[in-house]
């Protein structure tokens, strides 16, 4: 259980996601729709598609951070 929590909350994963050269930042620079971007991030990080509820929350988050899309993809 501790390993799972560390994996989810640990600095290793956070540094991979928040790195400006990491996959989320690269995806945000592409001409993907917000829906496509969220789906790609889910597939990359969790190896599954987002649920409808997760997709809604994520799309709302991207809309509220439209001017900082790359930063939003990394958080």
N, C-alpha and C. Protein backbone atom coordinates (compact mmCIF):
# COMPACT_ATOMS: atom_id res chain seq x y z
N UNK A 1 0.82 -1.19 0.00
CA UNK A 1 0.00 0.00 0.00
C UNK A 1 0.87 1.26 0.00
N UNK A 2 1.93 1.26 0.78
CA UNK A 2 2.80 2.42 0.83
C UNK A 2 3.46 2.68 -0.52
N UNK A 3 3.82 1.61 -1.21
CA UNK A 3 4.42 1.77 -2.54
C UNK A 3 3.44 2.42 -3.51
N UNK A 4 2.19 2.02 -3.43
CA UNK A 4 1.18 2.61 -4.31
C UNK A 4 0.99 4.09 -4.00
N UNK A 5 0.93 4.44 -2.73
CA UNK A 5 0.79 5.84 -2.35
C UNK A 5 2.01 6.65 -2.78
N UNK A 6 3.18 6.09 -2.62
CA UNK A 6 4.38 6.79 -3.05
C UNK A 6 4.37 6.98 -4.57
N UNK A 7 3.94 5.98 -5.28
CA UNK A 7 3.86 6.07 -6.74
C UNK A 7 2.91 7.20 -7.15
N UNK A 8 1.77 7.28 -6.49
CA UNK A 8 0.76 8.30 -6.83
C UNK A 8 1.22 9.69 -6.41
N UNK A 9 1.79 9.81 -5.21
CA UNK A 9 2.11 11.11 -4.64
C UNK A 9 3.59 11.45 -4.60
N UNK A 10 4.43 10.54 -5.03
CA UNK A 10 5.87 10.72 -4.88
C UNK A 10 6.47 11.76 -5.80
N UNK A 11 7.64 12.20 -5.45
CA UNK A 11 8.34 13.22 -6.22
C UNK A 11 8.79 12.69 -7.58
N UNK A 12 9.02 11.41 -7.69
CA UNK A 12 9.47 10.85 -8.96
C UNK A 12 8.43 11.08 -10.05
N UNK A 13 7.20 10.75 -9.76
CA UNK A 13 6.12 10.93 -10.74
C UNK A 13 5.85 12.40 -10.96
N UNK A 14 5.81 13.18 -9.89
CA UNK A 14 5.56 14.62 -10.04
C UNK A 14 6.61 15.28 -10.90
N UNK A 15 7.87 14.92 -10.72
CA UNK A 15 8.93 15.53 -11.52
C UNK A 15 8.81 15.12 -12.99
N UNK A 16 8.35 13.93 -13.25
CA UNK A 16 8.16 13.49 -14.64
C UNK A 16 7.02 14.25 -15.29
N UNK A 17 5.98 14.50 -14.56
CA UNK A 17 4.80 15.18 -15.11
C UNK A 17 5.06 16.68 -15.24
N UNK A 18 5.71 17.28 -14.27
CA UNK A 18 5.88 18.73 -14.24
C UNK A 18 7.07 19.23 -15.06
N UNK A 19 7.88 18.35 -15.55
CA UNK A 19 9.03 18.73 -16.37
C UNK A 19 8.53 19.36 -17.67
N UNK A 20 9.02 20.56 -18.01
CA UNK A 20 8.58 21.22 -19.24
C UNK A 20 8.88 20.42 -20.52
N UNK A 21 9.79 19.48 -20.45
CA UNK A 21 10.10 18.66 -21.62
C UNK A 21 9.38 17.32 -21.60
N UNK A 22 8.54 17.10 -20.60
CA UNK A 22 7.85 15.81 -20.44
C UNK A 22 6.67 15.68 -21.41
N UNK A 23 6.13 14.50 -21.47
CA UNK A 23 5.04 14.18 -22.41
C UNK A 23 3.83 15.12 -22.29
N UNK A 24 3.32 15.44 -21.09
CA UNK A 24 2.16 16.34 -21.03
C UNK A 24 2.42 17.70 -21.68
N UNK A 25 3.59 18.26 -21.46
CA UNK A 25 3.92 19.56 -22.07
C UNK A 25 4.04 19.42 -23.58
N UNK A 26 4.61 18.33 -24.05
CA UNK A 26 4.72 18.11 -25.49
C UNK A 26 3.34 17.96 -26.13
N UNK A 27 2.45 17.25 -25.46
CA UNK A 27 1.09 17.09 -25.97
C UNK A 27 0.36 18.43 -26.01
N UNK A 28 0.55 19.26 -24.98
CA UNK A 28 -0.13 20.55 -24.92
C UNK A 28 0.30 21.47 -26.06
N UNK A 29 1.50 21.29 -26.58
CA UNK A 29 2.00 22.12 -27.68
C UNK A 29 1.43 21.70 -29.03
N UNK A 30 0.90 20.49 -29.09
CA UNK A 30 0.32 20.00 -30.34
C UNK A 30 -1.06 20.62 -30.54
N UNK A 31 -1.55 20.52 -31.74
CA UNK A 31 -2.86 21.10 -32.05
C UNK A 31 -3.96 20.08 -31.78
N UNK A 32 -4.06 19.67 -30.52
CA UNK A 32 -5.09 18.73 -30.09
C UNK A 32 -6.23 19.52 -29.43
N UNK A 33 -7.43 19.02 -29.55
CA UNK A 33 -8.53 19.61 -28.79
C UNK A 33 -8.32 19.28 -27.32
N UNK A 34 -9.01 19.99 -26.45
CA UNK A 34 -8.88 19.70 -25.02
C UNK A 34 -9.27 18.25 -24.72
N UNK A 35 -10.31 17.79 -25.35
CA UNK A 35 -10.77 16.40 -25.16
C UNK A 35 -9.68 15.41 -25.57
N UNK A 36 -9.06 15.65 -26.72
CA UNK A 36 -7.99 14.77 -27.19
C UNK A 36 -6.78 14.84 -26.25
N UNK A 37 -6.47 16.04 -25.78
CA UNK A 37 -5.34 16.21 -24.86
C UNK A 37 -5.58 15.45 -23.57
N UNK A 38 -6.75 15.59 -22.99
CA UNK A 38 -7.08 14.88 -21.75
C UNK A 38 -6.99 13.37 -21.97
N UNK A 39 -7.55 12.90 -23.06
CA UNK A 39 -7.52 11.46 -23.36
C UNK A 39 -6.09 10.97 -23.50
N UNK A 40 -5.26 11.71 -24.21
CA UNK A 40 -3.85 11.30 -24.39
C UNK A 40 -3.11 11.29 -23.05
N UNK A 41 -3.36 12.26 -22.20
CA UNK A 41 -2.70 12.29 -20.89
C UNK A 41 -3.14 11.09 -20.05
N UNK A 42 -4.43 10.76 -20.09
CA UNK A 42 -4.91 9.59 -19.35
C UNK A 42 -4.29 8.31 -19.90
N UNK A 43 -4.24 8.17 -21.21
CA UNK A 43 -3.65 6.97 -21.79
C UNK A 43 -2.17 6.86 -21.44
N UNK A 44 -1.46 7.97 -21.47
CA UNK A 44 -0.03 7.98 -21.14
C UNK A 44 0.22 7.67 -19.67
N UNK A 45 -0.58 8.27 -18.79
CA UNK A 45 -0.28 8.14 -17.36
C UNK A 45 -0.99 6.97 -16.68
N UNK A 46 -2.19 6.62 -17.13
CA UNK A 46 -2.96 5.58 -16.45
C UNK A 46 -3.29 4.38 -17.34
N UNK A 47 -2.93 4.46 -18.61
CA UNK A 47 -3.18 3.39 -19.57
C UNK A 47 -4.66 3.04 -19.69
N UNK A 48 -5.49 4.10 -19.63
CA UNK A 48 -6.93 3.91 -19.82
C UNK A 48 -7.54 5.25 -20.24
N UNK A 49 -8.75 5.18 -20.77
CA UNK A 49 -9.48 6.39 -21.14
C UNK A 49 -10.11 6.99 -19.88
N UNK A 50 -10.31 8.29 -19.85
CA UNK A 50 -10.97 8.89 -18.69
C UNK A 50 -12.46 8.53 -18.68
N UNK A 51 -13.01 8.43 -17.48
CA UNK A 51 -14.46 8.24 -17.37
C UNK A 51 -15.15 9.54 -17.77
N UNK A 52 -16.44 9.51 -17.95
CA UNK A 52 -17.17 10.73 -18.31
C UNK A 52 -17.01 11.80 -17.23
N UNK A 53 -17.06 11.39 -15.96
CA UNK A 53 -16.90 12.35 -14.86
C UNK A 53 -15.49 12.95 -14.86
N UNK A 54 -14.49 12.11 -15.06
CA UNK A 54 -13.10 12.59 -15.10
C UNK A 54 -12.89 13.52 -16.29
N UNK A 55 -13.48 13.18 -17.40
CA UNK A 55 -13.36 14.00 -18.60
C UNK A 55 -13.99 15.37 -18.37
N UNK A 56 -15.16 15.40 -17.74
CA UNK A 56 -15.84 16.67 -17.47
C UNK A 56 -14.99 17.55 -16.56
N UNK A 57 -14.48 16.99 -15.47
CA UNK A 57 -13.64 17.76 -14.54
C UNK A 57 -12.40 18.28 -15.25
N UNK A 58 -11.78 17.44 -16.04
CA UNK A 58 -10.55 17.83 -16.76
C UNK A 58 -10.83 18.92 -17.78
N UNK A 59 -11.91 18.80 -18.53
CA UNK A 59 -12.24 19.81 -19.52
C UNK A 59 -12.57 21.14 -18.87
N UNK A 60 -13.29 21.09 -17.75
CA UNK A 60 -13.56 22.32 -17.00
C UNK A 60 -12.27 22.97 -16.53
N UNK A 61 -11.34 22.16 -16.08
CA UNK A 61 -10.04 22.67 -15.62
C UNK A 61 -9.28 23.32 -16.78
N UNK A 62 -9.26 22.68 -17.93
CA UNK A 62 -8.56 23.25 -19.09
C UNK A 62 -9.23 24.54 -19.56
N UNK A 63 -10.56 24.60 -19.49
CA UNK A 63 -11.25 25.84 -19.88
C UNK A 63 -10.90 26.98 -18.95
N UNK A 64 -10.77 26.69 -17.66
CA UNK A 64 -10.46 27.74 -16.69
C UNK A 64 -8.99 28.15 -16.74
N UNK A 65 -8.15 27.38 -17.42
CA UNK A 65 -6.73 27.69 -17.57
C UNK A 65 -6.33 27.80 -19.05
N UNK A 66 -7.24 28.27 -19.86
CA UNK A 66 -7.02 28.30 -21.31
C UNK A 66 -5.77 29.08 -21.70
N UNK A 67 -5.47 30.16 -20.97
CA UNK A 67 -4.31 30.98 -21.32
C UNK A 67 -3.00 30.33 -20.87
N UNK A 68 -3.08 29.31 -20.01
CA UNK A 68 -1.90 28.59 -19.54
C UNK A 68 -2.07 27.08 -19.77
N UNK A 69 -2.36 26.74 -21.00
CA UNK A 69 -2.69 25.35 -21.34
C UNK A 69 -1.56 24.37 -21.01
N UNK A 70 -0.33 24.73 -21.36
CA UNK A 70 0.80 23.82 -21.10
C UNK A 70 0.98 23.60 -19.62
N UNK A 71 0.87 24.66 -18.84
CA UNK A 71 0.98 24.52 -17.39
C UNK A 71 -0.14 23.66 -16.83
N UNK A 72 -1.34 23.84 -17.35
CA UNK A 72 -2.49 23.04 -16.92
C UNK A 72 -2.28 21.56 -17.22
N UNK A 73 -1.65 21.26 -18.34
CA UNK A 73 -1.40 19.87 -18.72
C UNK A 73 -0.40 19.21 -17.77
N UNK A 74 0.46 20.01 -17.18
CA UNK A 74 1.49 19.47 -16.29
C UNK A 74 1.03 19.37 -14.84
N UNK A 75 -0.17 19.87 -14.51
CA UNK A 75 -0.62 19.82 -13.11
C UNK A 75 -1.74 18.86 -12.88
